[in-house]
Amino acid sequence: MVAQADPSQYLCLAEQSAALHYDGKAKTWAAQAFIPNDKFVLRRLSDDERKNWRSNAKWGFFGLGETWPTALCGTEFDLTCLWGAVEFEPGLSWRLYKDNPNNPGGVIIETGKCSAL
């Protein structure tokens, strides 16, 4: 039997989202429709990337096609993010907290899962 190495890249797709915006007139937060369509790549960082970003993180969470990470995460044993608003659960499900591009001052929470590439 041939041993297989763990994957070094995962495709992470948003499956659900919730958006909130602040209504200044009503002085309250309200729900806003937002369709989850983000795609990310979770991949091992190279030694050069860790050096450039001055980080000991082993993994980067990148928007698909992006070169700057959304988050720097993990050691060899877990995916706790050291920088960025991403949280991982067992089984590579994730949550991302980000600003709402359609509503300054708003916030979006996206959730999804990652699969090996």
PDB file of N, CA and C in Angstrom:
ATOM      1  N   MET A   1       0.843  -1.175   0.000  1.00  0.00           N
ATOM      2  CA  MET A   1       0.000   0.000   0.000  1.00  0.00           C
ATOM      3  C   MET A   1       0.891   1.242   0.000  1.00  0.00           C
ATOM      4  N   VAL A   2       0.534   2.221  -0.801  1.00  0.00           N
ATOM      5  CA  VAL A   2       1.301   3.461  -0.898  1.00  0.00           C
ATOM      6  C   VAL A   2       0.681   4.490   0.034  1.00  0.00           C
ATOM      7  N   ALA A   3       1.499   5.132   0.846  1.00  0.00           N
ATOM      8  CA  ALA A   3       1.009   6.185   1.742  1.00  0.00           C
ATOM      9  C   ALA A   3       0.709   7.440   0.932  1.00  0.00           C
ATOM     10  N   GLN A   4      -0.368   8.124   1.290  1.00  0.00           N
ATOM     11  CA  GLN A   4      -0.721   9.365   0.602  1.00  0.00           C
ATOM     12  C   GLN A   4      -0.475  10.542   1.525  1.00  0.00           C
ATOM     13  N   ALA A   5       0.030  11.609   0.980  1.00  0.00           N
ATOM     14  CA  ALA A   5       0.256  12.834   1.747  1.00  0.00           C
ATOM     15  C   ALA A   5      -1.062  13.581   1.917  1.00  0.00           C
ATOM     16  N   ASP A   6      -1.173  14.303   3.001  1.00  0.00           N
ATOM     17  CA  ASP A   6      -2.349  15.143   3.196  1.00  0.00           C
ATOM     18  C   ASP A   6      -2.378  16.212   2.122  1.00  0.00           C
ATOM     19  N   PRO A   7      -3.574  16.602   1.682  1.00  0.00           N
ATOM     20  CA  PRO A   7      -3.669  17.664   0.676  1.00  0.00           C
ATOM     21  C   PRO A   7      -3.054  18.966   1.188  1.00  0.00           C
ATOM     22  N   SER A   8      -2.508  19.740   0.276  1.00  0.00           N
ATOM     23  CA  SER A   8      -1.928  21.029   0.660  1.00  0.00           C
ATOM     24  C   SER A   8      -2.795  22.191   0.184  1.00  0.00           C
ATOM     25  N   GLN A   9      -3.892  21.884  -0.520  1.00  0.00           N
ATOM     26  CA  GLN A   9      -4.822  22.920  -0.980  1.00  0.00           C
ATOM     27  C   GLN A   9      -6.252  22.412  -0.869  1.00  0.00           C
ATOM     28  N   TYR A  10      -7.136  23.330  -0.499  1.00  0.00           N
ATOM     29  CA  TYR A  10      -8.559  23.023  -0.395  1.00  0.00           C
ATOM     30  C   TYR A  10      -9.351  24.150  -1.057  1.00  0.00           C
ATOM     31  N   LEU A  11     -10.426  23.795  -1.725  1.00  0.00           N
ATOM     32  CA  LEU A  11     -11.359  24.775  -2.261  1.00  0.00           C
ATOM     33  C   LEU A  11     -12.472  24.943  -1.232  1.00  0.00           C
ATOM     34  N   CYS A  12     -12.745  26.183  -0.849  1.00  0.00           N
ATOM     35  CA  CYS A  12     -13.721  26.480   0.197  1.00  0.00           C
ATOM     36  C   CYS A  12     -14.837  27.330  -0.396  1.00  0.00           C
ATOM     37  N   LEU A  13     -16.049  26.787  -0.400  1.00  0.00           N
ATOM     38  CA  LEU A  13     -17.197  27.464  -1.008  1.00  0.00           C
ATOM     39  C   LEU A  13     -18.159  27.949   0.063  1.00  0.00           C
ATOM     40  N   ALA A  14     -18.637  29.186  -0.090  1.00  0.00           N
ATOM     41  CA  ALA A  14     -19.653  29.728   0.812  1.00  0.00           C
ATOM     42  C   ALA A  14     -20.972  29.021   0.525  1.00  0.00           C
ATOM     43  N   GLU A  15     -21.658  28.596   1.575  1.00  0.00           N
ATOM     44  CA  GLU A  15     -22.929  27.907   1.427  1.00  0.00           C
ATOM     45  C   GLU A  15     -24.094  28.708   1.994  1.00  0.00           C
ATOM     46  N   GLN A  16     -23.859  29.463   3.050  1.00  0.00           N
ATOM     47  CA  GLN A  16     -24.899  30.262   3.682  1.00  0.00           C
ATOM     48  C   GLN A  16     -24.312  31.593   4.120  1.00  0.00           C
ATOM     49  N   SER A  17     -25.183  32.605   4.239  1.00  0.00           N
ATOM     50  CA  SER A  17     -24.712  33.902   4.716  1.00  0.00           C
ATOM     51  C   SER A  17     -25.837  34.629   5.432  1.00  0.00           C
ATOM     52  N   ALA A  18     -25.439  35.585   6.222  1.00  0.00           N
ATOM     53  CA  ALA A  18     -26.378  36.491   6.894  1.00  0.00           C
ATOM     54  C   ALA A  18     -25.733  37.866   6.880  1.00  0.00           C
ATOM     55  N   ALA A  19     -26.515  38.872   6.545  1.00  0.00           N
ATOM     56  CA  ALA A  19     -25.990  40.239   6.506  1.00  0.00           C
ATOM     57  C   ALA A  19     -26.815  41.118   7.439  1.00  0.00           C
ATOM     58  N   LEU A  20     -26.133  42.049   8.084  1.00  0.00           N
ATOM     59  CA  LEU A  20     -26.783  43.046   8.932  1.00  0.00           C
ATOM     60  C   LEU A  20     -26.337  44.425   8.490  1.00  0.00           C
ATOM     61  N   HIS A  21     -27.244  45.385   8.574  1.00  0.00           N
ATOM     62  CA  HIS A  21     -26.859  46.770   8.337  1.00  0.00           C
ATOM     63  C   HIS A  21     -27.465  47.626   9.438  1.00  0.00           C
ATOM     64  N   TYR A  22     -26.813  48.752   9.702  1.00  0.00           N
ATOM     65  CA  TYR A  22     -27.283  49.652  10.748  1.00  0.00           C
ATOM     66  C   TYR A  22     -28.133  50.736  10.115  1.00  0.00           C
ATOM     67  N   ASP A  23     -29.359  50.869  10.595  1.00  0.00           N
ATOM     68  CA  ASP A  23     -30.279  51.910  10.140  1.00  0.00           C
ATOM     69  C   ASP A  23     -30.133  53.090  11.095  1.00  0.00           C
ATOM     70  N   GLY A  24     -29.441  54.125  10.608  1.00  0.00           N
ATOM     71  CA  GLY A  24     -29.167  55.289  11.444  1.00  0.00           C
ATOM     72  C   GLY A  24     -30.418  56.032  11.887  1.00  0.00           C
ATOM     73  N   LYS A  25     -31.418  56.087  11.031  1.00  0.00           N
ATOM     74  CA  LYS A  25     -32.662  56.785  11.402  1.00  0.00           C
ATOM     75  C   LYS A  25     -33.400  56.047  12.512  1.00  0.00           C
ATOM     76  N   ALA A  26     -33.504  54.720  12.374  1.00  0.00           N
ATOM     77  CA  ALA A  26     -34.199  53.924  13.382  1.00  0.00           C
ATOM     78  C   ALA A  26     -33.290  53.579  14.565  1.00  0.00           C
ATOM     79  N   LYS A  27     -31.980  53.821  14.392  1.00  0.00           N
ATOM     80  CA  LYS A  27     -30.966  53.505  15.407  1.00  0.00           C
ATOM     81  C   LYS A  27     -31.042  52.037  15.837  1.00  0.00           C
ATOM     82  N   THR A  28     -31.076  51.173  14.826  1.00  0.00           N
ATOM     83  CA  THR A  28     -31.137  49.736  15.096  1.00  0.00           C
ATOM     84  C   THR A  28     -30.484  48.961  13.953  1.00  0.00           C
ATOM     85  N   TRP A  29     -30.120  47.727  14.220  1.00  0.00           N
ATOM     86  CA  TRP A  29     -29.582  46.821  13.224  1.00  0.00           C
ATOM     87  C   TRP A  29     -30.734  46.078  12.571  1.00  0.00           C
ATOM     88  N   ALA A  30     -30.606  45.802  11.284  1.00  0.00           N
ATOM     89  CA  ALA A  30     -31.643  45.074  10.554  1.00  0.00           C
ATOM     90  C   ALA A  30     -30.992  44.058   9.621  1.00  0.00           C
ATOM     91  N   ALA A  31     -31.717  42.964   9.366  1.00  0.00           N
ATOM     92  CA  ALA A  31     -31.237  41.937   8.443  1.00  0.00           C
ATOM     93  C   ALA A  31     -31.294  42.462   7.016  1.00  0.00           C
ATOM     94  N   GLN A  32     -30.378  41.981   6.185  1.00  0.00           N
ATOM     95  CA  GLN A  32     -30.315  42.367   4.786  1.00  0.00           C
ATOM     96  C   GLN A  32     -30.044  41.113   3.966  1.00  0.00           C
ATOM     97  N   ALA A  33     -30.722  40.966   2.840  1.00  0.00           N
ATOM     98  CA  ALA A  33     -30.492  39.808   1.967  1.00  0.00           C
ATOM     99  C   ALA A  33     -29.081  39.866   1.398  1.00  0.00           C
ATOM    100  N   PHE A  34     -28.417  38.725   1.358  1.00  0.00           N
ATOM    101  CA  PHE A  34     -27.074  38.627   0.795  1.00  0.00           C
ATOM    102  C   PHE A  34     -26.887  37.199   0.311  1.00  0.00           C
ATOM    103  N   ILE A  35     -26.536  37.033  -0.940  1.00  0.00           N
ATOM    104  CA  ILE A  35     -26.368  35.703  -1.532  1.00  0.00           C
ATOM    105  C   ILE A  35     -24.911  35.268  -1.400  1.00  0.00           C
ATOM    106  N   PRO A  36     -24.673  34.123  -0.771  1.00  0.00           N
ATOM    107  CA  PRO A  36     -23.292  33.657  -0.620  1.00  0.00           C
ATOM    108  C   PRO A  36     -22.757  33.116  -1.944  1.00  0.00           C
ATOM    109  N   ASN A  37     -21.705  33.732  -2.444  1.00  0.00           N
ATOM    110  CA  ASN A  37     -21.098  33.229  -3.680  1.00  0.00           C
ATOM    111  C   ASN A  37     -19.576  33.292  -3.627  1.00  0.00           C
ATOM    112  N   ASP A  38     -19.018  33.539  -2.450  1.00  0.00           N
ATOM    113  CA  ASP A  38     -17.565  33.627  -2.328  1.00  0.00           C
ATOM    114  C   ASP A  38     -16.921  32.254  -2.457  1.00  0.00           C
ATOM    115  N   LYS A  39     -15.716  32.269  -3.005  1.00  0.00           N
ATOM    116  CA  LYS A  39     -14.902  31.067  -3.147  1.00  0.00           C
ATOM    117  C   LYS A  39     -13.525  31.404  -2.601  1.00  0.00           C
ATOM    118  N   PHE A  40     -12.968  30.470  -1.855  1.00  0.00           N
ATOM    119  CA  PHE A  40     -11.658  30.668  -1.249  1.00  0.00           C
ATOM    120  C   PHE A  40     -10.790  29.447  -1.491  1.00  0.00           C
ATOM    121  N   VAL A  41      -9.490  29.639  -1.333  1.00  0.00           N
ATOM    122  CA  VAL A  41      -8.541  28.534  -1.343  1.00  0.00           C
ATOM    123  C   VAL A  41      -7.819  28.567  -0.002  1.00  0.00           C
ATOM    124  N   LEU A  42      -7.839  27.452   0.694  1.00  0.00           N
ATOM    125  CA  LEU A  42      -7.045  27.259   1.904  1.00  0.00           C
ATOM    126  C   LEU A  42      -5.845  26.447   1.462  1.00  0.00           C
ATOM    127  N   ARG A  43      -4.651  27.013   1.629  1.00  0.00           N
ATOM    128  CA  ARG A  43      -3.461  26.295   1.162  1.00  0.00           C
ATOM    129  C   ARG A  43      -2.280  26.518   2.099  1.00  0.00           C
ATOM    130  N   ARG A  44      -1.369  25.551   2.049  1.00  0.00           N
ATOM    131  CA  ARG A  44      -0.133  25.686   2.834  1.00  0.00           C
ATOM    132  C   ARG A  44       0.668  26.875   2.313  1.00  0.00           C
ATOM    133  N   LEU A  45       1.266  27.607   3.239  1.00  0.00           N
ATOM    134  CA  LEU A  45       2.104  28.743   2.872  1.00  0.00           C
ATOM    135  C   LEU A  45       3.532  28.277   2.629  1.00  0.00           C
ATOM    136  N   SER A  46       4.207  28.949   1.714  1.00  0.00           N
ATOM    137  CA  SER A  46       5.620  28.656   1.466  1.00  0.00           C
ATOM    138  C   SER A  46       6.464  29.359   2.533  1.00  0.00           C
ATOM    139  N   ASP A  47       7.708  28.946   2.654  1.00  0.00           N
ATOM    140  CA  ASP A  47       8.623  29.601   3.593  1.00  0.00           C
ATOM    141  C   ASP A  47       8.776  31.081   3.246  1.00  0.00           C
ATOM    142  N   ASP A  48       8.840  31.402   1.952  1.00  0.00           N
ATOM    143  CA  ASP A  48       8.969  32.800   1.529  1.00  0.00           C
ATOM    144  C   ASP A  48       7.744  33.624   1.937  1.00  0.00           C
ATOM    145  N   GLU A  49       6.545  33.053   1.802  1.00  0.00           N
ATOM    146  CA  GLU A  49       5.334  33.775   2.199  1.00  0.00           C
ATOM    147  C   GLU A  49       5.326  34.028   3.707  1.00  0.00           C
ATOM    148  N   ARG A  50       5.693  33.027   4.494  1.00  0.00           N
ATOM    149  CA  ARG A  50       5.751  33.227   5.952  1.00  0.00           C
ATOM    150  C   ARG A  50       6.759  34.300   6.307  1.00  0.00           C
ATOM    151  N   LYS A  51       7.875  34.320   5.606  1.00  0.00           N
ATOM    152  CA  LYS A  51       8.896  35.332   5.859  1.00  0.00           C
ATOM    153  C   LYS A  51       8.376  36.723   5.477  1.00  0.00           C
ATOM    154  N   ASN A  52       7.769  36.849   4.297  1.00  0.00           N
ATOM    155  CA  ASN A  52       7.251  38.145   3.838  1.00  0.00           C
ATOM    156  C   ASN A  52       6.168  38.695   4.760  1.00  0.00           C
ATOM    157  N   TRP A  53       5.312  37.812   5.283  1.00  0.00           N
ATOM    158  CA  TRP A  53       4.214  38.258   6.144  1.00  0.00           C
ATOM    159  C   TRP A  53       4.579  38.188   7.612  1.00  0.00           C
ATOM    160  N   ARG A  54       5.846  37.832   7.891  1.00  0.00           N
ATOM    161  CA  ARG A  54       6.343  37.749   9.271  1.00  0.00           C
ATOM    162  C   ARG A  54       5.389  36.947  10.147  1.00  0.00           C
ATOM    163  N   SER A  55       5.108  35.748   9.712  1.00  0.00           N
ATOM    164  CA  SER A  55       4.137  34.904  10.404  1.00  0.00           C
ATOM    165  C   SER A  55       4.653  33.480  10.504  1.00  0.00           C
ATOM    166  N   ASN A  56       4.266  32.809  11.574  1.00  0.00           N
ATOM    167  CA  ASN A  56       4.565  31.388  11.728  1.00  0.00           C
ATOM    168  C   ASN A  56       3.406  30.520  11.252  1.00  0.00           C
ATOM    169  N   ALA A  57       2.354  31.146  10.725  1.00  0.00           N
ATOM    170  CA  ALA A  57       1.179  30.396  10.255  1.00  0.00           C
ATOM    171  C   ALA A  57       1.600  29.405   9.173  1.00  0.00           C
ATOM    172  N   LYS A  58       0.941  28.285   9.160  1.00  0.00           N
ATOM    173  CA  LYS A  58       1.231  27.247   8.158  1.00  0.00           C
ATOM    174  C   LYS A  58       0.278  27.314   6.971  1.00  0.00           C
ATOM    175  N   TRP A  59      -0.906  27.952   7.158  1.00  0.00           N
ATOM    176  CA  TRP A  59      -1.947  27.967   6.141  1.00  0.00           C
ATOM    177  C   TRP A  59      -2.396  29.381   5.845  1.00  0.00           C
ATOM    178  N   GLY A  60      -2.784  29.617   4.601  1.00  0.00           N
ATOM    179  CA  GLY A  60      -3.385  30.884   4.198  1.00  0.00           C
ATOM    180  C   GLY A  60      -4.772  30.633   3.632  1.00  0.00           C
ATOM    181  N   PHE A  61      -5.705  31.537   3.934  1.00  0.00           N
ATOM    182  CA  PHE A  61      -7.084  31.480   3.436  1.00  0.00           C
ATOM    183  C   PHE A  61      -7.213  32.643   2.465  1.00  0.00           C
ATOM    184  N   PHE A  62      -7.281  32.335   1.156  1.00  0.00           N
ATOM    185  CA  PHE A  62      -7.226  33.342   0.097  1.00  0.00           C
ATOM    186  C   PHE A  62      -8.540  33.368  -0.679  1.00  0.00           C
ATOM    187  N   GLY A  63      -9.009  34.572  -1.037  1.00  0.00           N
ATOM    188  CA  GLY A  63     -10.086  34.674  -2.006  1.00  0.00           C
ATOM    189  C   GLY A  63      -9.588  34.052  -3.299  1.00  0.00           C
ATOM    190  N   LEU A  64     -10.438  33.327  -4.014  1.00  0.00           N
ATOM    191  CA  LEU A  64     -10.025  32.650  -5.241  1.00  0.00           C
ATOM    192  C   LEU A  64      -9.411  33.659  -6.204  1.00  0.00           C
ATOM    193  N   GLY A  65      -8.177  33.410  -6.628  1.00  0.00           N
ATOM    194  CA  GLY A  65      -7.471  34.294  -7.541  1.00  0.00           C
ATOM    195  C   GLY A  65      -6.719  35.422  -6.859  1.00  0.00           C
ATOM    196  N   GLU A  66      -6.823  35.535  -5.543  1.00  0.00           N
ATOM    197  CA  GLU A  66      -6.156  36.613  -4.803  1.00  0.00           C
ATOM    198  C   GLU A  66      -4.761  36.178  -4.354  1.00  0.00           C
ATOM    199  N   THR A  67      -3.856  37.152  -4.225  1.00  0.00           N
ATOM    200  CA  THR A  67      -2.512  36.858  -3.748  1.00  0.00           C
ATOM    201  C   THR A  67      -2.300  37.314  -2.305  1.00  0.00           C
ATOM    202  N   TRP A  68      -3.194  38.166  -1.798  1.00  0.00           N
ATOM    203  CA  TRP A  68      -3.107  38.628  -0.412  1.00  0.00           C
ATOM    204  C   TRP A  68      -4.114  37.819   0.406  1.00  0.00           C
ATOM    205  N   PRO A  69      -3.694  37.240   1.532  1.00  0.00           N
ATOM    206  CA  PRO A  69      -4.592  36.359   2.266  1.00  0.00           C
ATOM    207  C   PRO A  69      -5.716  37.103   2.995  1.00  0.00           C
ATOM    208  N   THR A  70      -6.856  36.455   3.071  1.00  0.00           N
ATOM    209  CA  THR A  70      -7.953  36.918   3.912  1.00  0.00           C
ATOM    210  C   THR A  70      -7.627  36.606   5.360  1.00  0.00           C
ATOM    211  N   ALA A  71      -6.915  35.513   5.589  1.00  0.00           N
ATOM    212  CA  ALA A  71      -6.507  35.110   6.935  1.00  0.00           C
ATOM    213  C   ALA A  71      -5.256  34.248   6.861  1.00  0.00           C
ATOM    214  N   LEU A  72      -4.455  34.309   7.919  1.00  0.00           N
ATOM    215  CA  LEU A  72      -3.311  33.421   8.109  1.00  0.00           C
ATOM    216  C   LEU A  72      -3.655  32.527   9.279  1.00  0.00           C
ATOM    217  N   CYS A  73      -3.540  31.218   9.065  1.00  0.00           N
ATOM    218  CA  CYS A  73      -4.079  30.281  10.043  1.00  0.00           C
ATOM    219  C   CYS A  73      -3.131  29.134  10.317  1.00  0.00           C
ATOM    220  N   GLY A  74      -3.225  28.623  11.519  1.00  0.00           N
ATOM    221  CA  GLY A  74      -2.800  27.300  11.854  1.00  0.00           C
ATOM    222  C   GLY A  74      -1.352  27.010  12.123  1.00  0.00           C
ATOM    223  N   THR A  75      -1.240  25.885  12.763  1.00  0.00           N
ATOM    224  CA  THR A  75       0.039  25.238  13.013  1.00  0.00           C
ATOM    225  C   THR A  75      -0.056  23.894  12.300  1.00  0.00           C
ATOM    226  N   GLU A  76       0.834  23.017  12.606  1.00  0.00           N
ATOM    227  CA  GLU A  76       0.743  21.684  12.011  1.00  0.00           C
ATOM    228  C   GLU A  76      -0.460  20.917  12.551  1.00  0.00           C
ATOM    229  N   PHE A  77      -0.992  21.343  13.707  1.00  0.00           N
ATOM    230  CA  PHE A  77      -1.995  20.533  14.387  1.00  0.00           C
ATOM    231  C   PHE A  77      -3.392  21.136  14.451  1.00  0.00           C
ATOM    232  N   ASP A  78      -3.552  22.407  14.128  1.00  0.00           N
ATOM    233  CA  ASP A  78      -4.890  23.001  14.150  1.00  0.00           C
ATOM    234  C   ASP A  78      -4.955  24.159  13.168  1.00  0.00           C
ATOM    235  N   LEU A  79      -6.167  24.676  12.960  1.00  0.00           N
ATOM    236  CA  LEU A  79      -6.366  25.772  12.012  1.00  0.00           C
ATOM    237  C   LEU A  79      -6.852  27.038  12.711  1.00  0.00           C
ATOM    238  N   THR A  80      -6.400  27.280  13.928  1.00  0.00           N
ATOM    239  CA  THR A  80      -6.741  28.524  14.596  1.00  0.00           C
ATOM    240  C   THR A  80      -6.116  29.667  13.817  1.00  0.00           C
ATOM    241  N   CYS A  81      -6.935  30.648  13.428  1.00  0.00           N
ATOM    242  CA  CYS A  81      -6.410  31.759  12.635  1.00  0.00           C
ATOM    243  C   CYS A  81      -5.727  32.771  13.538  1.00  0.00           C
ATOM    244  N   LEU A  82      -4.503  33.124  13.151  1.00  0.00           N
ATOM    245  CA  LEU A  82      -3.698  34.070  13.902  1.00  0.00           C
ATOM    246  C   LEU A  82      -3.980  35.497  13.460  1.00  0.00           C
ATOM    247  N   TRP A  83      -4.508  35.640  12.266  1.00  0.00           N
ATOM    248  CA  TRP A  83      -4.784  36.949  11.681  1.00  0.00           C
ATOM    249  C   TRP A  83      -5.932  36.780  10.699  1.00  0.00           C
ATOM    250  N   GLY A  84      -6.946  37.592  10.806  1.00  0.00           N
ATOM    251  CA  GLY A  84      -8.104  37.494   9.931  1.00  0.00           C
ATOM    252  C   GLY A  84      -9.315  36.969  10.686  1.00  0.00           C
ATOM    253  N   ALA A  85     -10.479  37.256  10.193  1.00  0.00           N
ATOM    254  CA  ALA A  85     -11.729  36.929  10.878  1.00  0.00           C
ATOM    255  C   ALA A  85     -12.355  35.646  10.331  1.00  0.00           C
ATOM    256  N   VAL A  86     -11.580  34.557  10.360  1.00  0.00           N
ATOM    257  CA  VAL A  86     -12.067  33.257   9.907  1.00  0.00           C
ATOM    258  C   VAL A  86     -11.915  32.275  11.064  1.00  0.00           C
ATOM    259  N   GLU A  87     -12.929  31.436  11.236  1.00  0.00           N
ATOM    260  CA  GLU A  87     -12.877  30.376  12.244  1.00  0.00           C
ATOM    261  C   GLU A  87     -13.144  29.051  11.556  1.00  0.00           C
ATOM    262  N   PHE A  88     -12.395  28.021  11.934  1.00  0.00           N
ATOM    263  CA  PHE A  88     -12.562  26.689  11.372  1.00  0.00           C
ATOM    264  C   PHE A  88     -13.079  25.735  12.439  1.00  0.00           C
ATOM    265  N   GLU A  89     -13.891  24.785  12.004  1.00  0.00           N
ATOM    266  CA  GLU A  89     -14.425  23.719  12.853  1.00  0.00           C
ATOM    267  C   GLU A  89     -13.886  22.395  12.324  1.00  0.00           C
ATOM    268  N   PRO A  90     -13.992  21.327  13.100  1.00  0.00           N
ATOM    269  CA  PRO A  90     -13.581  20.013  12.582  1.00  0.00           C
ATOM    270  C   PRO A  90     -14.323  19.695  11.278  1.00  0.00           C
ATOM    271  N   GLY A  91     -13.664  19.019  10.393  1.00  0.00           N
ATOM    272  CA  GLY A  91     -14.261  18.683   9.103  1.00  0.00           C
ATOM    273  C   GLY A  91     -14.132  19.803   8.084  1.00  0.00           C
ATOM    274  N   LEU A  92     -13.316  20.813   8.394  1.00  0.00           N
ATOM    275  CA  LEU A  92     -13.041  21.944   7.511  1.00  0.00           C
ATOM    276  C   LEU A  92     -14.278  22.774   7.156  1.00  0.00           C
ATOM    277  N   SER A  93     -15.224  22.884   8.067  1.00  0.00           N
ATOM    278  CA  SER A  93     -16.272  23.883   7.875  1.00  0.00           C
ATOM    279  C   SER A  93     -15.737  25.189   8.456  1.00  0.00           C
ATOM    280  N   TRP A  94     -16.187  26.308   7.904  1.00  0.00           N
ATOM    281  CA  TRP A  94     -15.601  27.605   8.267  1.00  0.00           C
ATOM    282  C   TRP A  94     -16.669  28.687   8.389  1.00  0.00           C
ATOM    283  N   ARG A  95     -16.311  29.756   9.109  1.00  0.00           N
ATOM    284  CA  ARG A  95     -17.098  30.979   9.238  1.00  0.00           C
ATOM    285  C   ARG A  95     -16.185  32.158   8.954  1.00  0.00           C
ATOM    286  N   LEU A  96     -16.680  33.121   8.200  1.00  0.00           N
ATOM    287  CA  LEU A  96     -15.931  34.332   7.870  1.00  0.00           C
ATOM    288  C   LEU A  96     -16.786  35.530   8.236  1.00  0.00           C
ATOM    289  N   TYR A  97     -16.193  36.474   8.929  1.00  0.00           N
ATOM    290  CA  TYR A  97     -16.852  37.726   9.293  1.00  0.00           C
ATOM    291  C   TYR A  97     -16.202  38.829   8.461  1.00  0.00           C
ATOM    292  N   LYS A  98     -17.010  39.594   7.724  1.00  0.00           N
ATOM    293  CA  LYS A  98     -16.429  40.616   6.862  1.00  0.00           C
ATOM    294  C   LYS A  98     -17.353  41.819   6.747  1.00  0.00           C
ATOM    295  N   ASP A  99     -16.802  42.931   6.277  1.00  0.00           N
ATOM    296  CA  ASP A  99     -17.601  44.130   6.022  1.00  0.00           C
ATOM    297  C   ASP A  99     -18.537  43.878   4.858  1.00  0.00           C
ATOM    298  N   ASN A 100     -19.688  44.515   4.893  1.00  0.00           N
ATOM    299  CA  ASN A 100     -20.682  44.397   3.827  1.00  0.00           C
ATOM    300  C   ASN A 100     -20.350  45.397   2.723  1.00  0.00           C
ATOM    301  N   PRO A 101     -19.961  44.936   1.520  1.00  0.00           N
ATOM    302  CA  PRO A 101     -19.591  45.866   0.448  1.00  0.00           C
ATOM    303  C   PRO A 101     -20.782  46.678  -0.060  1.00  0.00           C
ATOM    304  N   ASN A 102     -22.005  46.192   0.184  1.00  0.00           N
ATOM    305  CA  ASN A 102     -23.202  46.895  -0.278  1.00  0.00           C
ATOM    306  C   ASN A 102     -23.736  47.899   0.733  1.00  0.00           C
ATOM    307  N   ASN A 103     -23.175  47.905   1.948  1.00  0.00           N
ATOM    308  CA  ASN A 103     -23.683  48.768   2.993  1.00  0.00           C
ATOM    309  C   ASN A 103     -22.555  49.111   3.957  1.00  0.00           C
ATOM    310  N   PRO A 104     -21.893  50.260   3.761  1.00  0.00           N
ATOM    311  CA  PRO A 104     -20.815  50.637   4.684  1.00  0.00           C
ATOM    312  C   PRO A 104     -21.336  50.616   6.122  1.00  0.00           C
ATOM    313  N   GLY A 105     -20.573  50.046   7.004  1.00  0.00           N
ATOM    314  CA  GLY A 105     -20.983  49.907   8.386  1.00  0.00           C
ATOM    315  C   GLY A 105     -21.724  48.616   8.655  1.00  0.00           C
ATOM    316  N   GLY A 106     -22.040  47.866   7.596  1.00  0.00           N
ATOM    317  CA  GLY A 106     -22.731  46.587   7.753  1.00  0.00           C
ATOM    318  C   GLY A 106     -21.740  45.450   7.895  1.00  0.00           C
ATOM    319  N   VAL A 107     -22.266  44.301   8.215  1.00  0.00           N
ATOM    320  CA  VAL A 107     -21.414  43.135   8.417  1.00  0.00           C
ATOM    321  C   VAL A 107     -22.072  41.910   7.779  1.00  0.00           C
ATOM    322  N   ILE A 108     -21.231  40.988   7.314  1.00  0.00           N
ATOM    323  CA  ILE A 108     -21.693  39.733   6.716  1.00  0.00           C
ATOM    324  C   ILE A 108     -21.001  38.577   7.427  1.00  0.00           C
ATOM    325  N   ILE A 109     -21.762  37.542   7.695  1.00  0.00           N
ATOM    326  CA  ILE A 109     -21.197  36.294   8.204  1.00  0.00           C
ATOM    327  C   ILE A 109     -21.488  35.239   7.143  1.00  0.00           C
ATOM    328  N   GLU A 110     -20.427  34.587   6.650  1.00  0.00           N
ATOM    329  CA  GLU A 110     -20.586  33.512   5.674  1.00  0.00           C
ATOM    330  C   GLU A 110     -20.113  32.217   6.295  1.00  0.00           C
ATOM    331  N   THR A 111     -20.734  31.123   5.883  1.00  0.00           N
ATOM    332  CA  THR A 111     -20.290  29.803   6.321  1.00  0.00           C
ATOM    333  C   THR A 111     -20.152  28.900   5.103  1.00  0.00           C
ATOM    334  N   GLY A 112     -19.307  27.896   5.219  1.00  0.00           N
ATOM    335  CA  GLY A 112     -19.135  26.968   4.120  1.00  0.00           C
ATOM    336  C   GLY A 112     -18.259  25.802   4.532  1.00  0.00           C
ATOM    337  N   LYS A 113     -17.871  25.013   3.540  1.00  0.00           N
ATOM    338  CA  LYS A 113     -17.017  23.860   3.754  1.00  0.00           C
ATOM    339  C   LYS A 113     -15.894  23.857   2.744  1.00  0.00           C
ATOM    340  N   CYS A 114     -14.815  23.202   3.103  1.00  0.00           N
ATOM    341  CA  CYS A 114     -13.650  23.081   2.215  1.00  0.00           C
ATOM    342  C   CYS A 114     -13.497  21.622   1.775  1.00  0.00           C
ATOM    343  N   SER A 115     -13.080  21.434   0.525  1.00  0.00           N
ATOM    344  CA  SER A 115     -12.812  20.117  -0.038  1.00  0.00           C
ATOM    345  C   SER A 115     -11.418  20.109  -0.642  1.00  0.00           C
ATOM    346  N   ALA A 116     -10.744  18.998  -0.528  1.00  0.00           N
ATOM    347  CA  ALA A 116      -9.395  18.881  -1.070  1.00  0.00           C
ATOM    348  C   ALA A 116      -9.410  19.081  -2.575  1.00  0.00           C
ATOM    349  N   LEU A 117      -8.399  19.802  -3.082  1.00  0.00           N
ATOM    350  CA  LEU A 117      -8.237  19.994  -4.531  1.00  0.00           C
ATOM    351  C   LEU A 117      -7.420  18.863  -5.119  1.00  0.00           C
TER     352      LEU A 117
END
